[in-house]
Amino acid sequence: MSKSLLIISRQAPWSGPGAREALDIALAGGAFDLPVGLLFLDDGVFQLSGAQQPGNLQQKDLSANLQALPMFGVEALYASQRSLDERGLRNHASSLAVECLDDSSISALIDRYDQVITL
C-alpha cells in the first residue's frame, strides 16, 4: 500500500520557487497514483487568486499547473480559512474546488497523512 502525502504550500506564487515546486511534487505524486493532498497555507493562499498577472514580475503563470491537479488525481485540495481571511481573500475567486479549514481541522488533516512536505 502506498503512503499518503500532504504537501503544504506556504509561499505566494511570485515569492520564489516554492509554490511551483509544491505543485510539481503534487503532480508527480498524482502521476504515480500516490494519495496526495495539497494544503494552501499562509501566503500560499495567494495561489488561489484568479486575478494574477505574473508577467508583470517576469514570472510564469501557475494557473495551468493548478488546473492540472485533478487530471493527475490530486483532488484533495485544502486552504486555511484563517490565511484567506488575513489576506483579504475571504470570498476568493478561484477556479479550483478547495475545502476551507479552520486551525483545528488543519491539525487533524496533517495527522491523517503518512508524509508531510512543507514548501
C-alpha atoms as a PDB file:
ATOM      1  CA  MET A   1       0.000   0.000   0.000  1.00  0.00           C
ATOM      2  CA  SER A   2       1.379   3.404  -0.939  1.00  0.00           C
ATOM      3  CA  LYS A   3       1.852   6.030   1.702  1.00  0.00           C
ATOM      4  CA  SER A   4      -0.197   9.194   1.591  1.00  0.00           C
ATOM      5  CA  LEU A   5       1.472  12.550   1.087  1.00  0.00           C
ATOM      6  CA  LEU A   6       0.323  16.001   2.166  1.00  0.00           C
ATOM      7  CA  ILE A   7       2.070  18.965   0.591  1.00  0.00           C
ATOM      8  CA  ILE A   8       1.754  22.262   2.432  1.00  0.00           C
ATOM      9  CA  SER A   9       2.317  25.188   0.112  1.00  0.00           C
ATOM     10  CA  ARG A  10       3.117  28.333   2.113  1.00  0.00           C
ATOM     11  CA  GLN A  11       4.654  30.631  -0.492  1.00  0.00           C
ATOM     12  CA  ALA A  12       2.978  33.140  -2.741  1.00  0.00           C
ATOM     13  CA  PRO A  13       3.303  32.296  -6.424  1.00  0.00           C
ATOM     14  CA  TRP A  14       5.708  35.183  -7.043  1.00  0.00           C
ATOM     15  CA  SER A  15       7.952  34.919  -3.966  1.00  0.00           C
ATOM     16  CA  GLY A  16      10.292  32.215  -5.226  1.00  0.00           C
ATOM     17  CA  PRO A  17      10.344  28.649  -6.487  1.00  0.00           C
ATOM     18  CA  GLY A  18       8.485  27.102  -3.515  1.00  0.00           C
ATOM     19  CA  ALA A  19       4.982  27.409  -4.958  1.00  0.00           C
ATOM     20  CA  ARG A  20       5.992  25.856  -8.284  1.00  0.00           C
ATOM     21  CA  GLU A  21       7.949  23.087  -6.544  1.00  0.00           C
ATOM     22  CA  ALA A  22       4.952  22.223  -4.353  1.00  0.00           C
ATOM     23  CA  LEU A  23       2.754  21.904  -7.435  1.00  0.00           C
ATOM     24  CA  ASP A  24       5.376  19.844  -9.267  1.00  0.00           C
ATOM     25  CA  ILE A  25       5.620  17.403  -6.346  1.00  0.00           C
ATOM     26  CA  ALA A  26       1.832  17.107  -6.168  1.00  0.00           C
ATOM     27  CA  LEU A  27       1.573  16.447  -9.917  1.00  0.00           C
ATOM     28  CA  ALA A  28       4.389  13.879  -9.808  1.00  0.00           C
ATOM     29  CA  GLY A  29       2.811  12.066  -6.859  1.00  0.00           C
ATOM     30  CA  GLY A  30      -0.542  12.017  -8.609  1.00  0.00           C
ATOM     31  CA  ALA A  31       1.044  10.667 -11.781  1.00  0.00           C
ATOM     32  CA  PHE A  32       2.291   7.692  -9.762  1.00  0.00           C
ATOM     33  CA  ASP A  33      -1.102   7.139  -8.107  1.00  0.00           C
ATOM     34  CA  LEU A  34       0.157   8.254  -4.718  1.00  0.00           C
ATOM     35  CA  PRO A  35      -2.630   9.551  -2.455  1.00  0.00           C
ATOM     36  CA  VAL A  36      -1.751  13.261  -2.443  1.00  0.00           C
ATOM     37  CA  GLY A  37      -3.333  16.205  -0.662  1.00  0.00           C
ATOM     38  CA  LEU A  38      -2.389  19.851  -1.105  1.00  0.00           C
ATOM     39  CA  LEU A  39      -2.912  22.467   1.606  1.00  0.00           C
ATOM     40  CA  PHE A  40      -2.565  26.172   0.822  1.00  0.00           C
ATOM     41  CA  LEU A  41      -1.438  27.917   3.999  1.00  0.00           C
ATOM     42  CA  ASP A  42      -0.164  31.413   4.872  1.00  0.00           C
ATOM     43  CA  ASP A  43       0.880  33.280   1.681  1.00  0.00           C
ATOM     44  CA  GLY A  44       0.285  30.072  -0.286  1.00  0.00           C
ATOM     45  CA  VAL A  45      -3.404  31.010  -0.458  1.00  0.00           C
ATOM     46  CA  PHE A  46      -2.453  33.726  -2.958  1.00  0.00           C
ATOM     47  CA  GLN A  47      -2.025  30.907  -5.480  1.00  0.00           C
ATOM     48  CA  LEU A  48      -5.813  30.519  -5.426  1.00  0.00           C
ATOM     49  CA  SER A  49      -6.442  34.093  -6.523  1.00  0.00           C
ATOM     50  CA  GLY A  50      -7.715  34.174 -10.079  1.00  0.00           C
ATOM     51  CA  ALA A  51      -6.581  37.699 -10.956  1.00  0.00           C
ATOM     52  CA  GLN A  52      -2.842  37.138 -11.117  1.00  0.00           C
ATOM     53  CA  GLN A  53      -0.556  38.906 -13.551  1.00  0.00           C
ATOM     54  CA  PRO A  54       2.759  37.040 -13.261  1.00  0.00           C
ATOM     55  CA  GLY A  55       4.156  38.646 -16.411  1.00  0.00           C
ATOM     56  CA  ASN A  56       4.443  41.958 -14.564  1.00  0.00           C
ATOM     57  CA  LEU A  57       7.026  40.303 -12.293  1.00  0.00           C
ATOM     58  CA  GLN A  58       8.613  38.264 -15.092  1.00  0.00           C
ATOM     59  CA  GLN A  59       7.255  35.074 -13.524  1.00  0.00           C
ATOM     60  CA  LYS A  60       5.497  32.115 -15.079  1.00  0.00           C
ATOM     61  CA  ASP A  61       1.788  31.622 -14.561  1.00  0.00           C
ATOM     62  CA  LEU A  62       0.962  28.709 -12.217  1.00  0.00           C
ATOM     63  CA  SER A  63      -2.708  28.521 -13.187  1.00  0.00           C
ATOM     64  CA  ALA A  64      -2.141  25.743 -15.755  1.00  0.00           C
ATOM     65  CA  ASN A  65      -0.403  23.629 -13.110  1.00  0.00           C
ATOM     66  CA  LEU A  66      -3.226  24.265 -10.654  1.00  0.00           C
ATOM     67  CA  GLN A  67      -5.851  23.310 -13.239  1.00  0.00           C
ATOM     68  CA  ALA A  68      -3.948  20.073 -13.995  1.00  0.00           C
ATOM     69  CA  LEU A  69      -4.126  18.812 -10.397  1.00  0.00           C
ATOM     70  CA  PRO A  70      -7.489  16.997 -10.750  1.00  0.00           C
ATOM     71  CA  MET A  71      -6.378  15.440 -14.059  1.00  0.00           C
ATOM     72  CA  PHE A  72      -3.461  13.872 -12.177  1.00  0.00           C
ATOM     73  CA  GLY A  73      -5.726  12.563  -9.422  1.00  0.00           C
ATOM     74  CA  VAL A  74      -4.911  15.304  -6.906  1.00  0.00           C
ATOM     75  CA  GLU A  75      -8.383  16.231  -5.752  1.00  0.00           C
ATOM     76  CA  ALA A  76      -7.811  16.631  -2.012  1.00  0.00           C
ATOM     77  CA  LEU A  77      -7.275  20.405  -2.047  1.00  0.00           C
ATOM     78  CA  TYR A  78      -7.490  22.479   1.120  1.00  0.00           C
ATOM     79  CA  ALA A  79      -6.982  26.095   2.181  1.00  0.00           C
ATOM     80  CA  SER A  80      -6.615  27.708   5.562  1.00  0.00           C
ATOM     81  CA  GLN A  81      -9.650  29.866   6.268  1.00  0.00           C
ATOM     82  CA  ARG A  82      -7.576  31.973   8.670  1.00  0.00           C
ATOM     83  CA  SER A  83      -4.950  32.595   5.955  1.00  0.00           C
ATOM     84  CA  LEU A  84      -7.640  33.567   3.452  1.00  0.00           C
ATOM     85  CA  ASP A  85      -9.272  35.949   5.945  1.00  0.00           C
ATOM     86  CA  GLU A  86      -5.972  37.563   6.998  1.00  0.00           C
ATOM     87  CA  ARG A  87      -5.094  38.285   3.360  1.00  0.00           C
ATOM     88  CA  GLY A  88      -8.486  39.637   2.372  1.00  0.00           C
ATOM     89  CA  LEU A  89      -9.332  36.610   0.254  1.00  0.00           C
ATOM     90  CA  ARG A  90     -12.412  35.566   2.197  1.00  0.00           C
ATOM     91  CA  ASN A  91     -14.515  35.400  -0.968  1.00  0.00           C
ATOM     92  CA  HIS A  92     -11.660  34.407  -3.229  1.00  0.00           C
ATOM     93  CA  ALA A  93     -12.479  33.797  -6.862  1.00  0.00           C
ATOM     94  CA  SER A  94     -10.746  30.518  -7.569  1.00  0.00           C
ATOM     95  CA  SER A  95     -11.469  28.050 -10.300  1.00  0.00           C
ATOM     96  CA  LEU A  96     -10.243  25.261  -8.011  1.00  0.00           C
ATOM     97  CA  ALA A  97     -12.587  23.499  -5.653  1.00  0.00           C
ATOM     98  CA  VAL A  98     -10.821  23.760  -2.310  1.00  0.00           C
ATOM     99  CA  GLU A  99     -12.119  22.895   1.127  1.00  0.00           C
ATOM    100  CA  CYS A 100     -11.542  25.712   3.620  1.00  0.00           C
ATOM    101  CA  LEU A 101     -10.392  24.516   7.028  1.00  0.00           C
ATOM    102  CA  ASP A 102     -10.051  26.115  10.440  1.00  0.00           C
ATOM    103  CA  ASP A 103      -6.885  25.605  12.502  1.00  0.00           C
ATOM    104  CA  SER A 104      -8.110  22.538  14.402  1.00  0.00           C
ATOM    105  CA  SER A 105      -9.221  20.885  11.164  1.00  0.00           C
ATOM    106  CA  ILE A 106      -5.787  21.544   9.676  1.00  0.00           C
ATOM    107  CA  SER A 107      -4.162  19.744  12.616  1.00  0.00           C
ATOM    108  CA  ALA A 108      -6.465  16.778  12.086  1.00  0.00           C
ATOM    109  CA  LEU A 109      -5.709  16.831   8.349  1.00  0.00           C
ATOM    110  CA  ILE A 110      -1.959  16.690   8.931  1.00  0.00           C
ATOM    111  CA  ASP A 111      -2.411  13.744  11.297  1.00  0.00           C
ATOM    112  CA  ARG A 112      -4.246  11.769   8.577  1.00  0.00           C
ATOM    113  CA  TYR A 113      -1.269  11.741   6.191  1.00  0.00           C
ATOM    114  CA  ASP A 114       1.771   9.462   6.417  1.00  0.00           C
ATOM    115  CA  GLN A 115       4.222  12.018   4.991  1.00  0.00           C
ATOM    116  CA  VAL A 116       4.107  15.829   5.064  1.00  0.00           C
ATOM    117  CA  ILE A 117       6.226  18.186   2.953  1.00  0.00           C
ATOM    118  CA  THR A 118       6.176  21.924   3.589  1.00  0.00           C
ATOM    119  CA  LEU A 119       7.426  24.361   0.961  1.00  0.00           C
END
